[in-house]
Every structure is written in structure tokens, then in C-alpha cells.
């Protein structure tokens, strides 16, 4: 069955297809442009950072809530039977760290008369 379209209709179809093709090529050009690719990569990276920061916040909030639940009663009063041992442990740890750093445990030379030193302080 022969095509019943007139030459004017065929020309109009060709013009329409050319316009559609030009639009498609423009869209492809925008998608593969380096600035578009960089913008997409930056957006993905920012999204990943936001997700990671959100997860970290939720985890930290959960830990704080758990610790608070252990150290404070439901009405907000402190549980001294739990707070005092924790405080003593923290003070002890800080004391041990302070003692070890004051004894010259570091490399910055708090030692006097060490082996191999030619000059004694």
C-alpha cells in the first residue's frame, strides 16, 4: 500500500524529526559536558557525606541516650551509685596518664644520664 502522504506532510515530518533530533543532541551534550559530570559527582559526594554524618549523629545520640539512661533515673535524678565509680575510674585514668607523661615516657628528652649520651644533664 503506497504512502498516502503529500510531499508537504513528508517535509513537515522531516522538519519535526530534525527538531526532535536537535533537542536530543543538545540534551546529550549537556549530560556529557565536563561541568555537568563534575556537578553530578559533587552532588553524589555531598549526599554520601550527609548520609554518613547523619548515621554518625544517630549513633552518637543513641550512645549518649544509653549512657544517660545508666547514670540518670527516669525522673532526672542522678544515680550516685553508678556515677561515683565512673568518676573515680576517670580520675584514676587521668592520674595514670599524668604520671606516665611526667616521668619522661615521651621522646622529647626528659631522661638524664641515659646510656649512649656523651653529655650528662
Protein backbone atom coordinates (compact mmCIF):
# COMPACT_ATOMS: atom_id res chain seq x y z
CA UNK A 1 0.00 0.00 0.00
CA UNK A 2 1.59 3.24 -1.09
CA UNK A 3 2.10 6.13 1.33
CA UNK A 4 -0.88 8.48 1.09
CA UNK A 5 1.01 11.47 2.46
CA UNK A 6 1.61 14.58 0.45
CA UNK A 7 5.10 15.99 -0.10
CA UNK A 8 4.25 18.85 2.27
CA UNK A 9 3.36 16.36 5.04
CA UNK A 10 6.59 14.46 4.46
CA UNK A 11 8.59 17.70 4.64
CA UNK A 12 6.76 18.67 7.86
CA UNK A 13 7.58 15.25 9.36
CA UNK A 14 11.23 15.63 8.40
CA UNK A 15 11.37 19.13 9.95
CA UNK A 16 9.76 17.85 13.14
CA UNK A 17 12.20 14.94 13.34
CA UNK A 18 15.13 17.31 12.79
CA UNK A 19 13.88 19.48 15.66
CA UNK A 20 13.47 16.45 17.93
CA UNK A 21 16.93 15.22 16.97
CA UNK A 22 18.45 18.64 17.69
CA UNK A 23 16.81 18.67 21.14
CA UNK A 24 18.09 15.15 21.84
CA UNK A 25 21.62 16.07 20.76
CA UNK A 26 21.52 19.18 22.97
CA UNK A 27 20.44 17.05 25.95
CA UNK A 28 23.27 14.59 25.27
CA UNK A 29 25.72 17.49 25.01
CA UNK A 30 24.62 18.81 28.40
CA UNK A 31 24.84 15.37 30.02
CA UNK A 32 28.38 14.68 28.82
CA UNK A 33 29.71 18.20 29.44
CA UNK A 34 32.55 18.13 32.00
CA UNK A 35 30.86 20.73 34.23
CA UNK A 36 27.71 18.60 34.37
CA UNK A 37 29.70 15.48 35.17
CA UNK A 38 31.64 17.33 37.93
CA UNK A 39 28.41 18.77 39.33
CA UNK A 40 26.84 15.32 39.47
CA UNK A 41 29.95 13.89 41.16
CA UNK A 42 29.96 16.71 43.72
CA UNK A 43 26.27 16.18 44.44
CA UNK A 44 26.81 12.43 44.95
CA UNK A 45 29.78 13.06 47.24
CA UNK A 46 27.84 15.63 49.27
CA UNK A 47 24.95 13.21 49.56
CA UNK A 48 27.27 10.45 50.78
CA UNK A 49 28.81 12.79 53.36
CA UNK A 50 25.36 13.87 54.53
CA UNK A 51 24.28 10.24 54.92
CA UNK A 52 27.47 9.36 56.81
CA UNK A 53 27.17 12.40 59.09
CA UNK A 54 23.53 11.56 59.72
CA UNK A 55 24.39 7.99 60.65
CA UNK A 56 27.19 9.20 62.94
CA UNK A 57 24.81 11.63 64.64
CA UNK A 58 22.22 8.91 65.17
CA UNK A 59 24.85 6.54 66.58
CA UNK A 60 26.28 9.17 68.90
CA UNK A 61 22.81 10.16 70.04
CA UNK A 62 22.00 6.52 70.76
CA UNK A 63 25.18 6.12 72.84
CA UNK A 64 24.50 9.32 74.79
CA UNK A 65 20.94 8.23 75.46
CA UNK A 66 22.11 4.81 76.63
CA UNK A 67 24.78 6.25 78.93
CA UNK A 68 22.36 8.85 80.26
CA UNK A 69 19.86 6.09 80.97
CA UNK A 70 22.52 4.30 83.01
CA UNK A 71 23.54 7.37 85.02
CA UNK A 72 20.20 9.17 85.48
CA UNK A 73 16.84 7.90 86.69
CA UNK A 74 13.67 8.36 84.64
CA UNK A 75 12.71 11.43 86.67
CA UNK A 76 16.12 13.05 86.03
CA UNK A 77 17.79 12.37 89.38
CA UNK A 78 21.44 11.25 89.21
CA UNK A 79 22.21 7.65 90.16
CA UNK A 80 25.09 8.25 92.54
CA UNK A 81 25.73 4.51 92.97
CA UNK A 82 26.73 4.45 89.29
CA UNK A 83 28.21 7.93 88.88
CA UNK A 84 30.77 7.71 91.72
CA UNK A 85 32.57 4.57 90.40
CA UNK A 86 32.69 6.02 86.87
CA UNK A 87 34.08 9.32 88.17
CA UNK A 88 36.72 7.52 90.25
CA UNK A 89 37.77 5.46 87.24
CA UNK A 90 38.12 8.59 85.10
CA UNK A 91 40.15 10.38 87.78
CA UNK A 92 42.39 7.32 88.15
CA UNK A 93 42.95 7.10 84.42
CA UNK A 94 43.80 10.79 84.17
CA UNK A 95 46.18 10.41 87.13
CA UNK A 96 47.95 7.48 85.49
CA UNK A 97 48.31 9.39 82.24
CA UNK A 98 49.67 12.43 84.08
CA UNK A 99 52.19 10.30 85.98
CA UNK A 100 53.40 8.50 82.88
CA UNK A 101 53.90 11.75 80.97
CA UNK A 102 55.74 13.42 83.86
CA UNK A 103 58.23 10.54 84.11
CA UNK A 104 59.60 11.30 80.69
CA UNK A 105 57.92 8.49 78.86
CA UNK A 106 57.92 10.61 75.73
CA UNK A 107 60.76 11.01 73.21
CA UNK A 108 61.28 14.68 73.96
CA UNK A 109 64.17 14.09 76.33
CA UNK A 110 63.07 14.02 79.94
CA UNK A 111 65.85 11.49 80.76
CA UNK A 112 69.10 12.34 82.47
CA UNK A 113 72.23 10.33 82.03
CA UNK A 114 70.92 7.76 79.59
CA UNK A 115 73.22 5.23 78.00
CA UNK A 116 74.85 6.47 74.86
CA UNK A 117 74.65 10.13 75.87
CA UNK A 118 78.01 11.82 75.83
CA UNK A 119 76.89 14.80 77.86
CA UNK A 120 75.02 14.43 81.12
CA UNK A 121 72.49 16.99 82.12
